[in-house]
């Protein structure tokens, strides 16, 4: 089964990032909006099925809203507000996991397992 998933870790506080909104887009269209749960993961995979359409995808993480809700003082505008990660799906039967490690002033991502 093919799938696309993510999770978010708040490296400034050393914990999963709960209640961060994530939008998924592909081929110029919005696919889904989800919010992370207490463990920093979405309640379901962003995509799952027999196959995933190959192509370019974008995950948009609403990091500024997340940090404001936590009471973190941010500049106006915040250094990082919307974090967009653009990546490619080549294998329609593949498993893609795109985690985000985030703080108010930096982030890291990679292809996870």
C-alpha atoms as a PDB file:
ATOM      1  CA  UNK A   1       0.000   0.000   0.000  1.00  0.00           C
ATOM      2  CA  UNK A   2       1.322   3.453  -0.971  1.00  0.00           C
ATOM      3  CA  UNK A   3       1.199   6.290   1.524  1.00  0.00           C
ATOM      4  CA  UNK A   4       2.371   9.770   2.398  1.00  0.00           C
ATOM      5  CA  UNK A   5       2.736  10.750   6.043  1.00  0.00           C
ATOM      6  CA  UNK A   6       4.404  13.388   8.190  1.00  0.00           C
ATOM      7  CA  UNK A   7       5.049  14.339  11.779  1.00  0.00           C
ATOM      8  CA  UNK A   8       6.268  17.535  13.403  1.00  0.00           C
ATOM      9  CA  UNK A   9       8.701  17.889  16.297  1.00  0.00           C
ATOM     10  CA  UNK A  10       9.101  21.219  18.100  1.00  0.00           C
ATOM     11  CA  UNK A  11      12.855  21.370  18.697  1.00  0.00           C
ATOM     12  CA  UNK A  12      12.599  24.633  20.663  1.00  0.00           C
ATOM     13  CA  UNK A  13      10.517  22.904  23.350  1.00  0.00           C
ATOM     14  CA  UNK A  14      11.785  19.332  22.883  1.00  0.00           C
ATOM     15  CA  UNK A  15       8.368  17.826  22.179  1.00  0.00           C
ATOM     16  CA  UNK A  16       5.924  16.828  19.441  1.00  0.00           C
ATOM     17  CA  UNK A  17       4.143  19.788  17.830  1.00  0.00           C
ATOM     18  CA  UNK A  18       0.444  19.244  18.562  1.00  0.00           C
ATOM     19  CA  UNK A  19      -2.235  21.247  16.756  1.00  0.00           C
ATOM     20  CA  UNK A  20      -0.129  22.420  13.832  1.00  0.00           C
ATOM     21  CA  UNK A  21      -2.144  22.828  10.632  1.00  0.00           C
ATOM     22  CA  UNK A  22      -0.745  21.189   7.490  1.00  0.00           C
ATOM     23  CA  UNK A  23      -1.966  21.679   3.908  1.00  0.00           C
ATOM     24  CA  UNK A  24      -1.111  19.282   1.074  1.00  0.00           C
ATOM     25  CA  UNK A  25      -1.125  20.494  -2.537  1.00  0.00           C
ATOM     26  CA  UNK A  26      -0.201  18.806  -5.802  1.00  0.00           C
ATOM     27  CA  UNK A  27      -0.440  19.757  -9.448  1.00  0.00           C
ATOM     28  CA  UNK A  28      -1.789  23.180  -8.458  1.00  0.00           C
ATOM     29  CA  UNK A  29      -4.690  21.844  -6.418  1.00  0.00           C
ATOM     30  CA  UNK A  30      -5.434  21.520  -2.721  1.00  0.00           C
ATOM     31  CA  UNK A  31      -5.707  17.887  -1.625  1.00  0.00           C
ATOM     32  CA  UNK A  32      -6.196  17.913   2.133  1.00  0.00           C
ATOM     33  CA  UNK A  33      -5.793  19.948   5.311  1.00  0.00           C
ATOM     34  CA  UNK A  34      -5.006  18.145   8.558  1.00  0.00           C
ATOM     35  CA  UNK A  35      -3.930  19.062  12.062  1.00  0.00           C
ATOM     36  CA  UNK A  36      -1.394  17.185  14.147  1.00  0.00           C
ATOM     37  CA  UNK A  37      -2.463  15.377  17.290  1.00  0.00           C
ATOM     38  CA  UNK A  38      -0.759  15.232  20.715  1.00  0.00           C
ATOM     39  CA  UNK A  39       2.099  13.149  19.247  1.00  0.00           C
ATOM     40  CA  UNK A  40       2.851  15.546  16.368  1.00  0.00           C
ATOM     41  CA  UNK A  41       1.380  13.202  13.774  1.00  0.00           C
ATOM     42  CA  UNK A  42      -1.708  13.565  11.636  1.00  0.00           C
ATOM     43  CA  UNK A  43      -4.599  11.281  12.652  1.00  0.00           C
ATOM     44  CA  UNK A  44      -4.444   9.564   9.231  1.00  0.00           C
ATOM     45  CA  UNK A  45      -1.898   9.456   6.422  1.00  0.00           C
ATOM     46  CA  UNK A  46      -2.064  12.484   4.149  1.00  0.00           C
ATOM     47  CA  UNK A  47      -2.458  10.061   1.228  1.00  0.00           C
ATOM     48  CA  UNK A  48      -2.920   6.311   1.136  1.00  0.00           C
ATOM     49  CA  UNK A  49      -4.163   3.710  -1.281  1.00  0.00           C
ATOM     50  CA  UNK A  50      -2.986   1.213  -3.831  1.00  0.00           C
ATOM     51  CA  UNK A  51      -0.966   3.965  -5.530  1.00  0.00           C
ATOM     52  CA  UNK A  52      -0.002   7.616  -5.157  1.00  0.00           C
ATOM     53  CA  UNK A  53       0.055   9.765  -8.270  1.00  0.00           C
ATOM     54  CA  UNK A  54       3.684  10.561  -9.166  1.00  0.00           C
ATOM     55  CA  UNK A  55       4.553  14.233  -9.326  1.00  0.00           C
ATOM     56  CA  UNK A  56       5.450  17.293  -7.313  1.00  0.00           C
ATOM     57  CA  UNK A  57       3.797  17.806  -3.919  1.00  0.00           C
ATOM     58  CA  UNK A  58       3.915  20.628  -1.393  1.00  0.00           C
ATOM     59  CA  UNK A  59       3.355  20.403   2.332  1.00  0.00           C
ATOM     60  CA  UNK A  60       2.613  23.747   4.005  1.00  0.00           C
ATOM     61  CA  UNK A  61       3.111  23.822   7.769  1.00  0.00           C
ATOM     62  CA  UNK A  62       1.476  26.742   9.628  1.00  0.00           C
ATOM     63  CA  UNK A  63       4.403  27.203  12.012  1.00  0.00           C
ATOM     64  CA  UNK A  64       3.780  30.854  12.887  1.00  0.00           C
ATOM     65  CA  UNK A  65       0.239  30.126  14.080  1.00  0.00           C
ATOM     66  CA  UNK A  66       1.541  27.173  16.096  1.00  0.00           C
ATOM     67  CA  UNK A  67       4.205  29.213  17.913  1.00  0.00           C
ATOM     68  CA  UNK A  68       1.837  32.160  18.510  1.00  0.00           C
ATOM     69  CA  UNK A  69      -0.702  29.765  20.086  1.00  0.00           C
ATOM     70  CA  UNK A  70       2.065  28.523  22.409  1.00  0.00           C
ATOM     71  CA  UNK A  71       2.803  32.090  23.489  1.00  0.00           C
ATOM     72  CA  UNK A  72       6.219  32.206  21.839  1.00  0.00           C
ATOM     73  CA  UNK A  73       7.257  35.830  21.152  1.00  0.00           C
ATOM     74  CA  UNK A  74       7.756  36.233  17.397  1.00  0.00           C
ATOM     75  CA  UNK A  75       8.867  39.147  15.265  1.00  0.00           C
ATOM     76  CA  UNK A  76       6.248  40.828  13.065  1.00  0.00           C
ATOM     77  CA  UNK A  77       6.241  39.304  10.547  1.00  0.00           C
ATOM     78  CA  UNK A  78       7.661  36.093  12.013  1.00  0.00           C
ATOM     79  CA  UNK A  79      10.950  34.815  10.615  1.00  0.00           C
ATOM     80  CA  UNK A  80       9.194  31.519   9.780  1.00  0.00           C
ATOM     81  CA  UNK A  81       5.444  31.653   9.273  1.00  0.00           C
ATOM     82  CA  UNK A  82       4.389  29.207   6.564  1.00  0.00           C
ATOM     83  CA  UNK A  83       6.980  26.520   5.884  1.00  0.00           C
ATOM     84  CA  UNK A  84       6.563  24.985   2.437  1.00  0.00           C
ATOM     85  CA  UNK A  85       8.330  21.735   1.658  1.00  0.00           C
ATOM     86  CA  UNK A  86       8.277  20.793  -2.011  1.00  0.00           C
ATOM     87  CA  UNK A  87       9.169  17.206  -2.872  1.00  0.00           C
ATOM     88  CA  UNK A  88       8.628  14.629  -5.584  1.00  0.00           C
ATOM     89  CA  UNK A  89       6.854  11.286  -5.551  1.00  0.00           C
ATOM     90  CA  UNK A  90       8.434   9.025  -8.168  1.00  0.00           C
ATOM     91  CA  UNK A  91       7.249   5.571  -7.098  1.00  0.00           C
ATOM     92  CA  UNK A  92       3.445   5.260  -7.219  1.00  0.00           C
ATOM     93  CA  UNK A  93       3.665   2.263  -4.852  1.00  0.00           C
ATOM     94  CA  UNK A  94       6.124   3.887  -2.446  1.00  0.00           C
ATOM     95  CA  UNK A  95       5.924   4.940   1.160  1.00  0.00           C
ATOM     96  CA  UNK A  96       6.858   8.580   1.698  1.00  0.00           C
ATOM     97  CA  UNK A  97       7.338  10.076   5.147  1.00  0.00           C
ATOM     98  CA  UNK A  98       8.277  13.773   5.307  1.00  0.00           C
ATOM     99  CA  UNK A  99       8.919  14.868   8.909  1.00  0.00           C
ATOM    100  CA  UNK A 100       9.528  18.449  10.045  1.00  0.00           C
ATOM    101  CA  UNK A 101      11.758  19.465  12.949  1.00  0.00           C
ATOM    102  CA  UNK A 102      10.942  23.099  13.677  1.00  0.00           C
ATOM    103  CA  UNK A 103      11.777  26.051  15.923  1.00  0.00           C
ATOM    104  CA  UNK A 104      10.857  29.732  15.474  1.00  0.00           C
ATOM    105  CA  UNK A 105      14.149  30.330  13.619  1.00  0.00           C
ATOM    106  CA  UNK A 106      14.951  27.139  11.741  1.00  0.00           C
ATOM    107  CA  UNK A 107      13.720  23.826  10.424  1.00  0.00           C
ATOM    108  CA  UNK A 108      14.956  20.540   9.010  1.00  0.00           C
ATOM    109  CA  UNK A 109      13.294  17.858   6.937  1.00  0.00           C
ATOM    110  CA  UNK A 110      14.304  14.600   5.320  1.00  0.00           C
ATOM    111  CA  UNK A 111      12.755  11.537   3.726  1.00  0.00           C
ATOM    112  CA  UNK A 112      11.953   9.279   6.634  1.00  0.00           C
ATOM    113  CA  UNK A 113      10.731   5.729   6.785  1.00  0.00           C
END
